[in-house]
């Protein structure tokens, strides 16, 4: 059967880099551990949020609320109206909204905590990488000096060789936000 799309996905790499494979396995294992450490209440909230965020939930509501409205408008002959003013429907929908918003907030709090952990990890890795590159630039500069290699922009090289203090960056960002 010929490909009918205008694009073709790239071929998968023959083998993943061993460090990349190890990292993927470590992250997968960590996510499994975090999921396993969730409390029963957190798992329940996540299950409810997952269901309420699905099209099945929408279809169920269309059927239930649609039936409720059709019955109470008196459209179906022989079926007695039980909420002609729709007060009960409004109350049920309000209570449901209260509980659903609570479940969504619980799930968002858990997701936010996981995102904070990932952001902290990213920051630590970025700071470590920056530090290592700074040290590497010292080595490359020493090699260039030893081999008498001229550098076009020595001031830029000197700037790269300086370690970045994360607290100074955060202070500068804070000050720039206060100016805005």
Protein backbone atom coordinates (compact mmCIF):
# COMPACT_ATOMS: atom_id res chain seq x y z
CA UNK A 1 0.00 0.00 0.00
CA UNK A 2 1.59 3.33 -1.03
CA UNK A 3 2.14 6.09 1.50
CA UNK A 4 -0.66 8.66 1.05
CA UNK A 5 0.77 11.35 3.31
CA UNK A 6 3.04 14.11 2.02
CA UNK A 7 5.58 13.44 4.75
CA UNK A 8 7.39 10.36 5.91
CA UNK A 9 8.56 9.92 9.49
CA UNK A 10 12.31 9.74 9.96
CA UNK A 11 13.76 6.26 10.31
CA UNK A 12 14.47 5.20 13.88
CA UNK A 13 18.09 5.28 14.94
CA UNK A 14 19.72 1.84 14.67
CA UNK A 15 20.90 1.98 18.29
CA UNK A 16 20.53 4.55 21.02
CA UNK A 17 23.60 5.96 22.65
CA UNK A 18 24.25 3.94 25.83
CA UNK A 19 24.13 7.05 28.03
CA UNK A 20 20.83 8.10 26.46
CA UNK A 21 19.40 4.61 26.93
CA UNK A 22 20.51 4.63 30.59
CA UNK A 23 18.90 8.06 31.10
CA UNK A 24 15.63 6.92 29.52
CA UNK A 25 15.60 3.84 31.75
CA UNK A 26 16.36 5.93 34.85
CA UNK A 27 13.59 8.44 34.07
CA UNK A 28 11.12 5.64 33.32
CA UNK A 29 11.99 3.92 36.60
CA UNK A 30 11.67 7.20 38.54
CA UNK A 31 8.23 7.88 37.04
CA UNK A 32 7.17 4.34 37.92
CA UNK A 33 8.36 4.85 41.50
CA UNK A 34 6.56 8.18 41.79
CA UNK A 35 3.35 6.65 40.44
CA UNK A 36 3.68 3.78 42.90
CA UNK A 37 4.24 6.18 45.80
CA UNK A 38 1.01 8.08 45.11
CA UNK A 39 -1.54 7.80 47.88
CA UNK A 40 -4.85 6.06 47.27
CA UNK A 41 -6.57 9.46 47.32
CA UNK A 42 -4.15 10.85 44.72
CA UNK A 43 -4.66 7.81 42.46
CA UNK A 44 -8.45 8.15 42.84
CA UNK A 45 -8.29 11.87 42.02
CA UNK A 46 -6.12 11.12 38.98
CA UNK A 47 -8.50 8.41 37.77
CA UNK A 48 -11.50 10.70 38.17
CA UNK A 49 -9.69 13.56 36.45
CA UNK A 50 -8.64 11.28 33.60
CA UNK A 51 -12.21 10.08 33.10
CA UNK A 52 -13.76 13.54 33.39
CA UNK A 53 -11.26 14.84 30.84
CA UNK A 54 -12.36 12.28 28.25
CA UNK A 55 -14.90 12.28 25.45
CA UNK A 56 -16.72 9.38 27.18
CA UNK A 57 -17.48 11.79 30.01
CA UNK A 58 -18.80 14.35 27.51
CA UNK A 59 -20.99 11.73 25.82
CA UNK A 60 -22.29 10.51 29.18
CA UNK A 61 -23.22 14.07 30.14
CA UNK A 62 -24.84 14.73 26.80
CA UNK A 63 -26.99 11.62 27.30
CA UNK A 64 -27.84 12.25 30.97
CA UNK A 65 -28.42 15.99 30.87
CA UNK A 66 -30.00 15.80 27.43
CA UNK A 67 -32.45 13.15 28.67
CA UNK A 68 -33.15 15.14 31.82
CA UNK A 69 -33.96 18.24 29.78
CA UNK A 70 -36.07 16.40 27.17
CA UNK A 71 -38.06 14.59 29.88
CA UNK A 72 -38.67 17.75 31.90
CA UNK A 73 -39.71 19.76 28.88
CA UNK A 74 -42.50 17.19 28.46
CA UNK A 75 -41.40 16.18 24.96
CA UNK A 76 -41.68 12.45 25.65
CA UNK A 77 -45.34 11.48 26.08
CA UNK A 78 -46.14 9.25 29.04
CA UNK A 79 -42.94 10.07 30.92
CA UNK A 80 -43.72 12.23 33.94
CA UNK A 81 -41.78 15.45 34.49
CA UNK A 82 -39.82 15.32 37.75
CA UNK A 83 -37.96 18.68 37.57
CA UNK A 84 -40.05 21.07 35.52
CA UNK A 85 -38.24 24.19 36.76
CA UNK A 86 -34.78 22.56 36.35
CA UNK A 87 -33.81 23.56 39.91
CA UNK A 88 -32.64 20.03 40.74
CA UNK A 89 -30.64 19.90 37.50
CA UNK A 90 -28.94 23.20 38.38
CA UNK A 91 -28.13 21.92 41.88
CA UNK A 92 -26.74 18.61 40.61
CA UNK A 93 -24.61 20.40 38.02
CA UNK A 94 -23.31 22.85 40.65
CA UNK A 95 -22.36 20.14 43.13
CA UNK A 96 -20.73 18.14 40.35
CA UNK A 97 -18.73 21.20 39.28
CA UNK A 98 -17.50 21.72 42.85
CA UNK A 99 -16.25 18.15 43.13
CA UNK A 100 -14.77 18.05 39.63
CA UNK A 101 -12.84 21.27 40.16
CA UNK A 102 -11.47 19.86 43.44
CA UNK A 103 -10.30 16.67 41.71
CA UNK A 104 -8.71 18.68 38.93
CA UNK A 105 -6.88 20.86 41.48
CA UNK A 106 -5.58 17.79 43.32
CA UNK A 107 -4.25 16.35 40.05
CA UNK A 108 -2.76 19.70 39.04
CA UNK A 109 -0.98 20.00 42.39
CA UNK A 110 0.60 16.57 41.90
CA UNK A 111 1.54 17.41 38.31
CA UNK A 112 2.96 20.75 39.40
CA UNK A 113 5.09 19.08 42.08
CA UNK A 114 6.49 16.68 39.47
CA UNK A 115 7.16 19.60 37.09
CA UNK A 116 8.99 21.44 39.89
CA UNK A 117 11.21 18.39 40.45
CA UNK A 118 11.98 18.20 36.72
CA UNK A 119 12.71 21.95 36.60
CA UNK A 120 15.10 21.60 39.56
CA UNK A 121 16.84 18.70 37.83
CA UNK A 122 17.11 20.75 34.61
CA UNK A 123 18.58 23.67 36.54
CA UNK A 124 21.13 21.48 38.31
CA UNK A 125 22.18 19.83 35.05
CA UNK A 126 22.43 23.20 33.29
CA UNK A 127 24.55 24.64 36.11
CA UNK A 128 26.79 21.58 36.11
CA UNK A 129 27.14 21.78 32.32
CA UNK A 130 27.98 25.47 32.50
CA UNK A 131 30.61 24.81 35.16
CA UNK A 132 32.13 21.95 33.17
CA UNK A 133 32.22 24.04 29.98
CA UNK A 134 33.91 26.87 31.87
CA UNK A 135 36.60 24.47 33.06
CA UNK A 136 36.87 23.00 29.58
CA UNK A 137 37.42 26.48 28.14
CA UNK A 138 40.36 26.86 30.56
CA UNK A 139 41.87 23.66 29.19
CA UNK A 140 41.29 24.69 25.55
CA UNK A 141 42.82 28.11 26.24
CA UNK A 142 45.87 26.46 27.81
CA UNK A 143 46.21 24.14 24.80
CA UNK A 144 45.90 27.10 22.42
CA UNK A 145 48.56 29.01 24.37
CA UNK A 146 50.87 26.00 24.38
CA UNK A 147 50.47 25.59 20.60
CA UNK A 148 50.77 29.36 20.00
CA UNK A 149 47.31 29.52 18.42
CA UNK A 150 46.02 33.09 18.16
CA UNK A 151 42.45 33.74 19.29
CA UNK A 152 40.51 36.41 17.40
CA UNK A 153 38.33 37.59 20.27
CA UNK A 154 40.32 37.15 23.47
CA UNK A 155 37.84 39.19 25.54
CA UNK A 156 35.00 36.80 24.63
CA UNK A 157 37.17 33.82 25.61
CA UNK A 158 37.98 35.44 28.96
CA UNK A 159 34.27 36.00 29.57
CA UNK A 160 33.48 32.35 28.78
CA UNK A 161 36.12 31.26 31.28
CA UNK A 162 34.30 33.01 34.14
CA UNK A 163 31.95 30.86 36.23
CA UNK A 164 28.34 32.00 36.39
CA UNK A 165 26.93 32.49 39.86
CA UNK A 166 23.28 31.35 39.74
CA UNK A 167 22.29 33.58 42.66
CA UNK A 168 23.66 36.62 40.79
CA UNK A 169 21.59 35.67 37.74
CA UNK A 170 18.47 35.27 39.89
CA UNK A 171 19.09 38.64 41.55
CA UNK A 172 19.52 40.30 38.16
CA UNK A 173 16.31 38.69 36.87
CA UNK A 174 14.44 39.86 39.96
CA UNK A 175 15.70 43.41 39.54
CA UNK A 176 14.77 43.48 35.85
CA UNK A 177 11.23 42.32 36.68
CA UNK A 178 10.88 45.03 39.31
CA UNK A 179 11.85 47.66 36.72
CA UNK A 180 9.16 46.50 34.31
